[in-house]
Structures are given as structure tokens and as C-alpha cells.
């Protein structure tokens, strides 16, 4: 089992050529900033895809953090559309799937 964390989204995109399927899995995690009076949420987006490295199956992972106003409820959809646009430019066959592939992958690997 190999899990490869990539810090920079641009590098993550470069490794997509190693993928074994056209699905990129994503998760959104929202947390309130430390200041309870703030109207800002921090959104952490985790992206995963499965790849083959020699005879091993690898899980590539990256995280992106953004902030948004609590009032702006369409922000999640805007982020999803932006990600979808980025990945469709790499390969139109790529699709974003909401899910926790990391846990499935790790439990399957043991």
C-alpha cells in the first residue's frame, strides 16, 4: 500500500497521467475560524485518485484550503465548478466523485 501526499495542486494534476480510472474523489470539510464572531468558514478540500506504480496500487492525495463568508451558500458549488473545470481541461473524461476513497483504499489494503 502506498499513499502519496502532494502539497501543490499543480503537481497533483501532473500525476493524473498515472491514474488507473477516470474518477477523482473529493471531500469537503468546513470548520469555523477560531474567532466565533467571524462570519468566515475555512473549507478544506481533499482530492484523491488511484494510480498504478509498477505493480503497486497507490493513492495520490492533496488538500486545498479556502475561506468563505458564511452568508455565501453558493460558494461550495462555485468551488466544485472550478475544480471540475480544471480537471476537464486535463482530460474531459475525468469526473469528480464525492466520497472517502482513502478509508476504502486503506481498509482494502490490509
Protein backbone atom coordinates (compact mmCIF):
# COMPACT_ATOMS: atom_id res chain seq x y z
CA UNK A 1 0.00 0.00 0.00
CA UNK A 2 1.33 3.39 -0.98
CA UNK A 3 -0.22 6.74 -0.09
CA UNK A 4 1.42 9.74 -1.74
CA UNK A 5 0.55 13.18 -0.43
CA UNK A 6 1.23 16.05 -2.82
CA UNK A 7 1.39 19.57 -1.38
CA UNK A 8 0.80 21.55 -4.57
CA UNK A 9 -2.37 21.13 -6.66
CA UNK A 10 -0.43 21.74 -9.89
CA UNK A 11 1.82 18.76 -9.09
CA UNK A 12 -1.26 16.67 -8.26
CA UNK A 13 -2.63 17.46 -11.73
CA UNK A 14 0.67 16.43 -13.34
CA UNK A 15 0.48 12.99 -11.72
CA UNK A 16 -3.00 12.36 -13.14
CA UNK A 17 -1.41 10.66 -16.14
CA UNK A 18 -0.60 7.72 -13.80
CA UNK A 19 -4.25 7.20 -12.81
CA UNK A 20 -5.97 3.87 -13.40
CA UNK A 21 -9.51 5.24 -13.57
CA UNK A 22 -11.19 8.50 -14.58
CA UNK A 23 -12.63 9.29 -11.15
CA UNK A 24 -11.16 11.85 -8.79
CA UNK A 25 -12.67 11.59 -5.33
CA UNK A 26 -13.23 14.68 -3.20
CA UNK A 27 -14.33 15.60 0.31
CA UNK A 28 -15.32 18.99 1.72
CA UNK A 29 -14.69 19.72 5.39
CA UNK A 30 -15.91 23.05 6.78
CA UNK A 31 -14.66 24.49 10.05
CA UNK A 32 -15.41 27.79 11.73
CA UNK A 33 -12.44 30.08 12.26
CA UNK A 34 -11.12 30.48 15.81
CA UNK A 35 -12.88 33.81 16.26
CA UNK A 36 -16.52 32.89 16.93
CA UNK A 37 -17.64 36.39 15.97
CA UNK A 38 -16.24 35.99 12.49
CA UNK A 39 -18.54 35.24 9.60
CA UNK A 40 -15.92 33.18 7.86
CA UNK A 41 -15.62 29.42 7.34
CA UNK A 42 -12.49 27.55 6.37
CA UNK A 43 -13.10 24.88 3.75
CA UNK A 44 -10.61 22.08 3.36
CA UNK A 45 -10.97 20.16 0.12
CA UNK A 46 -9.26 16.78 -0.11
CA UNK A 47 -8.73 15.23 -3.54
CA UNK A 48 -7.73 11.60 -4.23
CA UNK A 49 -7.14 9.34 -7.20
CA UNK A 50 -5.86 5.81 -7.62
CA UNK A 51 -2.77 5.08 -9.71
CA UNK A 52 -0.52 2.20 -10.59
CA UNK A 53 3.19 2.47 -9.80
CA UNK A 54 4.96 -0.60 -11.14
CA UNK A 55 2.99 -3.46 -9.55
CA UNK A 56 1.67 -1.36 -6.64
CA UNK A 57 -1.61 0.45 -6.25
CA UNK A 58 -1.09 4.00 -4.98
CA UNK A 59 -3.44 6.60 -3.61
CA UNK A 60 -2.48 10.15 -4.58
CA UNK A 61 -3.84 12.84 -2.26
CA UNK A 62 -3.78 16.62 -1.98
CA UNK A 63 -5.56 19.23 0.13
CA UNK A 64 -6.67 22.75 -0.68
CA UNK A 65 -7.83 25.25 1.95
CA UNK A 66 -10.01 28.25 1.17
CA UNK A 67 -12.06 30.68 3.23
CA UNK A 68 -15.60 31.83 2.55
CA UNK A 69 -18.26 34.01 4.08
CA UNK A 70 -20.91 32.03 5.97
CA UNK A 71 -23.64 34.02 4.19
CA UNK A 72 -22.42 32.89 0.77
CA UNK A 73 -24.08 29.49 0.47
CA UNK A 74 -23.29 29.04 -3.25
CA UNK A 75 -19.56 29.09 -2.56
CA UNK A 76 -19.30 25.27 -2.31
CA UNK A 77 -20.90 24.91 -5.72
CA UNK A 78 -18.54 27.54 -7.15
CA UNK A 79 -15.52 25.64 -5.80
CA UNK A 80 -16.84 22.38 -7.25
CA UNK A 81 -17.37 24.01 -10.67
CA UNK A 82 -13.85 25.50 -10.61
CA UNK A 83 -12.32 22.09 -9.78
CA UNK A 84 -14.41 20.39 -12.45
CA UNK A 85 -13.23 22.98 -14.98
CA UNK A 86 -9.57 22.43 -14.06
CA UNK A 87 -9.81 18.66 -14.40
CA UNK A 88 -11.84 18.77 -17.63
CA UNK A 89 -9.02 20.78 -19.20
CA UNK A 90 -6.60 17.99 -18.28
CA UNK A 91 -8.90 15.28 -19.63
CA UNK A 92 -12.63 15.67 -20.42
CA UNK A 93 -13.20 12.06 -19.31
CA UNK A 94 -12.29 12.91 -15.70
CA UNK A 95 -15.16 13.10 -13.24
CA UNK A 96 -15.37 14.29 -9.65
CA UNK A 97 -16.98 11.85 -7.23
CA UNK A 98 -17.91 12.81 -3.69
CA UNK A 99 -16.63 10.16 -1.33
CA UNK A 100 -13.97 8.92 1.07
CA UNK A 101 -11.87 6.67 -1.12
CA UNK A 102 -8.93 6.91 1.32
CA UNK A 103 -10.68 4.86 4.02
CA UNK A 104 -11.89 2.30 1.48
CA UNK A 105 -8.42 2.03 -0.02
CA UNK A 106 -6.69 1.65 3.36
CA UNK A 107 -9.14 -0.97 4.63
CA UNK A 108 -8.86 -2.91 1.37
CA UNK A 109 -5.05 -2.81 1.52
CA UNK A 110 -4.81 -4.56 4.90
